[in-house]
Amino acid sequence: MKIVLVGAVLLALAGGASLKELNVSQPERDVLSGRVIFSTTCVRCHGIDGKGEGQMKFTPPVADLTSPAVQGKLDARLFKSVHDGKPNTAMGAWRESLTDDEIWDALAYVRTLAPQQNDGMGGELR
């Protein structure tokens, strides 16, 4: 058992994580704040319902944030897309306009846009 624990710690440290980081839980995200951020920042392109039917039209089309393709992505990947932007799309980097916490809150709201599922697995950060 000790070998497994030591191996897991070594693997985590080799990946750049410290022991302190391993014990830190993610703070609770503020969905209501995220809704405000979404409605003032994201709605122009993604639309009120997040389906990509906003006031502005782009080629390639804006992502449908309710789609399984978006909702199935890990939170870190979605965060990177918002923070750094997406090359060759209209999705610019928001790192200068929004704090990391504001981006995470907006993503928490985006998770609420997922179509309701019967298994209770939708609507949460992953």
C-alpha atoms as a PDB file:
ATOM      1  CA  MET A   1       0.000   0.000   0.000  1.00  0.00           C
ATOM      2  CA  LYS A   2       2.862   2.370   0.843  1.00  0.00           C
ATOM      3  CA  ILE A   3       4.383   1.788  -2.584  1.00  0.00           C
ATOM      4  CA  VAL A   4       1.157   2.798  -4.302  1.00  0.00           C
ATOM      5  CA  LEU A   5       0.856   5.965  -2.199  1.00  0.00           C
ATOM      6  CA  VAL A   6       4.492   6.915  -2.780  1.00  0.00           C
ATOM      7  CA  GLY A   7       4.070   6.223  -6.492  1.00  0.00           C
ATOM      8  CA  ALA A   8       0.984   8.421  -6.678  1.00  0.00           C
ATOM      9  CA  VAL A   9       2.752  11.283  -4.891  1.00  0.00           C
ATOM     10  CA  LEU A  10       5.817  10.945  -7.135  1.00  0.00           C
ATOM     11  CA  LEU A  11       3.618  10.896 -10.215  1.00  0.00           C
ATOM     12  CA  ALA A  12       1.803  14.032  -9.058  1.00  0.00           C
ATOM     13  CA  LEU A  13       5.059  15.814  -8.261  1.00  0.00           C
ATOM     14  CA  ALA A  14       6.548  14.822 -11.602  1.00  0.00           C
ATOM     15  CA  GLY A  15       3.511  16.386 -13.279  1.00  0.00           C
ATOM     16  CA  GLY A  16       4.268  19.713 -11.624  1.00  0.00           C
ATOM     17  CA  ALA A  17       1.747  19.569  -8.791  1.00  0.00           C
ATOM     18  CA  SER A  18       2.917  20.129  -5.247  1.00  0.00           C
ATOM     19  CA  LEU A  19       1.475  18.333  -2.243  1.00  0.00           C
ATOM     20  CA  LYS A  20      -0.231  21.587  -1.237  1.00  0.00           C
ATOM     21  CA  GLU A  21      -2.005  21.751  -4.614  1.00  0.00           C
ATOM     22  CA  LEU A  22      -3.211  18.158  -4.260  1.00  0.00           C
ATOM     23  CA  ASN A  23      -5.191  19.052  -1.132  1.00  0.00           C
ATOM     24  CA  VAL A  24      -6.733  22.289  -2.373  1.00  0.00           C
ATOM     25  CA  SER A  25     -10.360  21.993  -3.404  1.00  0.00           C
ATOM     26  CA  GLN A  26     -11.867  24.251  -6.032  1.00  0.00           C
ATOM     27  CA  PRO A  27     -13.864  27.130  -4.572  1.00  0.00           C
ATOM     28  CA  GLU A  28     -17.608  27.143  -5.024  1.00  0.00           C
ATOM     29  CA  ARG A  29     -18.460  28.952  -8.247  1.00  0.00           C
ATOM     30  CA  ASP A  30     -21.075  31.700  -8.336  1.00  0.00           C
ATOM     31  CA  VAL A  31     -23.621  30.806 -11.006  1.00  0.00           C
ATOM     32  CA  LEU A  32     -25.566  34.040 -10.480  1.00  0.00           C
ATOM     33  CA  SER A  33     -22.445  36.132 -11.017  1.00  0.00           C
ATOM     34  CA  GLY A  34     -21.702  33.945 -14.043  1.00  0.00           C
ATOM     35  CA  ARG A  35     -25.163  34.679 -15.430  1.00  0.00           C
ATOM     36  CA  VAL A  36     -24.526  38.422 -15.163  1.00  0.00           C
ATOM     37  CA  ILE A  37     -21.140  38.054 -16.867  1.00  0.00           C
ATOM     38  CA  PHE A  38     -22.690  35.909 -19.601  1.00  0.00           C
ATOM     39  CA  SER A  39     -25.552  38.352 -20.180  1.00  0.00           C
ATOM     40  CA  THR A  40     -23.221  41.352 -20.424  1.00  0.00           C
ATOM     41  CA  THR A  41     -20.293  39.772 -22.256  1.00  0.00           C
ATOM     42  CA  CYS A  42     -21.138  36.526 -24.029  1.00  0.00           C
ATOM     43  CA  VAL A  43     -24.757  37.039 -25.097  1.00  0.00           C
ATOM     44  CA  ARG A  44     -23.884  39.206 -28.139  1.00  0.00           C
ATOM     45  CA  CYS A  45     -22.337  36.242 -29.913  1.00  0.00           C
ATOM     46  CA  HIS A  46     -23.684  33.154 -28.124  1.00  0.00           C
ATOM     47  CA  GLY A  47     -27.257  34.420 -27.720  1.00  0.00           C
ATOM     48  CA  ILE A  48     -29.464  34.535 -24.658  1.00  0.00           C
ATOM     49  CA  ASP A  49     -29.863  30.746 -24.609  1.00  0.00           C
ATOM     50  CA  GLY A  50     -26.221  29.992 -25.506  1.00  0.00           C
ATOM     51  CA  LYS A  51     -27.072  28.322 -28.817  1.00  0.00           C
ATOM     52  CA  GLY A  52     -24.846  30.629 -30.865  1.00  0.00           C
ATOM     53  CA  GLU A  53     -27.712  32.684 -32.249  1.00  0.00           C
ATOM     54  CA  GLY A  54     -26.585  36.079 -30.993  1.00  0.00           C
ATOM     55  CA  GLN A  55     -26.767  39.443 -32.730  1.00  0.00           C
ATOM     56  CA  MET A  56     -23.451  38.938 -34.494  1.00  0.00           C
ATOM     57  CA  LYS A  57     -22.824  36.270 -37.137  1.00  0.00           C
ATOM     58  CA  PHE A  58     -19.430  34.758 -37.828  1.00  0.00           C
ATOM     59  CA  THR A  59     -17.671  32.248 -40.047  1.00  0.00           C
ATOM     60  CA  PRO A  60     -17.038  29.709 -38.658  1.00  0.00           C
ATOM     61  CA  PRO A  61     -20.240  29.891 -36.637  1.00  0.00           C
ATOM     62  CA  VAL A  62     -20.144  30.635 -32.927  1.00  0.00           C
ATOM     63  CA  ALA A  63     -20.195  27.594 -30.645  1.00  0.00           C
ATOM     64  CA  ASP A  64     -23.530  26.306 -29.398  1.00  0.00           C
ATOM     65  CA  LEU A  65     -22.814  26.190 -25.680  1.00  0.00           C
ATOM     66  CA  THR A  66     -25.719  23.812 -25.079  1.00  0.00           C
ATOM     67  CA  SER A  67     -24.370  21.170 -27.471  1.00  0.00           C
ATOM     68  CA  PRO A  68     -22.919  17.860 -26.285  1.00  0.00           C
ATOM     69  CA  ALA A  69     -19.675  18.816 -28.054  1.00  0.00           C
ATOM     70  CA  VAL A  70     -19.224  21.814 -25.739  1.00  0.00           C
ATOM     71  CA  GLN A  71     -20.886  20.450 -22.614  1.00  0.00           C
ATOM     72  CA  GLY A  72     -18.760  17.293 -22.879  1.00  0.00           C
ATOM     73  CA  LYS A  73     -15.494  19.219 -22.678  1.00  0.00           C
ATOM     74  CA  LEU A  74     -13.533  19.371 -19.456  1.00  0.00           C
ATOM     75  CA  ASP A  75     -13.726  22.617 -17.508  1.00  0.00           C
ATOM     76  CA  ALA A  76     -10.026  23.311 -17.991  1.00  0.00           C
ATOM     77  CA  ARG A  77     -10.427  23.143 -21.763  1.00  0.00           C
ATOM     78  CA  LEU A  78     -13.399  25.514 -21.726  1.00  0.00           C
ATOM     79  CA  PHE A  79     -11.505  27.853 -19.401  1.00  0.00           C
ATOM     80  CA  LYS A  80      -8.543  27.903 -21.800  1.00  0.00           C
ATOM     81  CA  SER A  81     -10.832  28.703 -24.744  1.00  0.00           C
ATOM     82  CA  VAL A  82     -12.287  31.705 -22.925  1.00  0.00           C
ATOM     83  CA  HIS A  83      -9.040  32.818 -21.311  1.00  0.00           C
ATOM     84  CA  ASP A  84      -6.789  32.492 -24.380  1.00  0.00           C
ATOM     85  CA  GLY A  85      -9.320  32.602 -27.229  1.00  0.00           C
ATOM     86  CA  LYS A  86      -9.584  30.168 -30.120  1.00  0.00           C
ATOM     87  CA  PRO A  87      -7.403  30.686 -33.203  1.00  0.00           C
ATOM     88  CA  ASN A  88      -9.151  31.137 -36.555  1.00  0.00           C
ATOM     89  CA  THR A  89     -12.499  31.894 -34.904  1.00  0.00           C
ATOM     90  CA  ALA A  90     -14.243  34.968 -33.568  1.00  0.00           C
ATOM     91  CA  MET A  91     -13.549  33.778 -30.009  1.00  0.00           C
ATOM     92  CA  GLY A  92     -11.038  36.262 -28.703  1.00  0.00           C
ATOM     93  CA  ALA A  93      -9.046  36.054 -25.488  1.00  0.00           C
ATOM     94  CA  TRP A  94     -10.898  37.417 -22.456  1.00  0.00           C
ATOM     95  CA  ARG A  95      -7.933  37.238 -20.055  1.00  0.00           C
ATOM     96  CA  GLU A  96      -7.499  41.024 -20.146  1.00  0.00           C
ATOM     97  CA  SER A  97     -11.197  41.793 -19.583  1.00  0.00           C
ATOM     98  CA  LEU A  98     -12.230  39.118 -17.098  1.00  0.00           C
ATOM     99  CA  THR A  99     -10.500  37.742 -14.028  1.00  0.00           C
ATOM    100  CA  ASP A 100      -9.944  34.018 -13.755  1.00  0.00           C
ATOM    101  CA  ASP A 101     -12.710  33.846 -11.126  1.00  0.00           C
ATOM    102  CA  GLU A 102     -15.117  35.670 -13.445  1.00  0.00           C
ATOM    103  CA  ILE A 103     -14.326  33.210 -16.245  1.00  0.00           C
ATOM    104  CA  TRP A 104     -14.929  30.261 -13.890  1.00  0.00           C
ATOM    105  CA  ASP A 105     -18.228  31.789 -12.743  1.00  0.00           C
ATOM    106  CA  ALA A 106     -19.320  32.307 -16.365  1.00  0.00           C
ATOM    107  CA  LEU A 107     -18.448  28.676 -17.092  1.00  0.00           C
ATOM    108  CA  ALA A 108     -20.497  27.567 -14.085  1.00  0.00           C
ATOM    109  CA  TYR A 109     -23.440  29.386 -15.660  1.00  0.00           C
ATOM    110  CA  VAL A 110     -22.706  27.857 -19.077  1.00  0.00           C
ATOM    111  CA  ARG A 111     -22.987  24.413 -17.457  1.00  0.00           C
ATOM    112  CA  THR A 112     -26.575  25.303 -16.483  1.00  0.00           C
ATOM    113  CA  LEU A 113     -27.387  25.703 -20.194  1.00  0.00           C
ATOM    114  CA  ALA A 114     -26.949  21.966 -20.781  1.00  0.00           C
ATOM    115  CA  PRO A 115     -30.164  20.213 -21.740  1.00  0.00           C
ATOM    116  CA  GLN A 116     -31.675  18.531 -18.700  1.00  0.00           C
ATOM    117  CA  GLN A 117     -30.764  14.868 -18.388  1.00  0.00           C
ATOM    118  CA  ASN A 118     -32.697  12.241 -16.507  1.00  0.00           C
ATOM    119  CA  ASP A 119     -29.594  10.920 -14.754  1.00  0.00           C
ATOM    120  CA  GLY A 120     -28.933  14.169 -12.885  1.00  0.00           C
ATOM    121  CA  MET A 121     -25.430  14.499 -14.315  1.00  0.00           C
ATOM    122  CA  GLY A 122     -25.841  17.819 -16.176  1.00  0.00           C
ATOM    123  CA  GLY A 123     -25.141  21.325 -15.016  1.00  0.00           C
ATOM    124  CA  GLU A 124     -21.984  20.912 -12.928  1.00  0.00           C
ATOM    125  CA  LEU A 125     -18.345  21.790 -13.449  1.00  0.00           C
ATOM    126  CA  ARG A 126     -16.144  18.816 -14.211  1.00  0.00           C
END
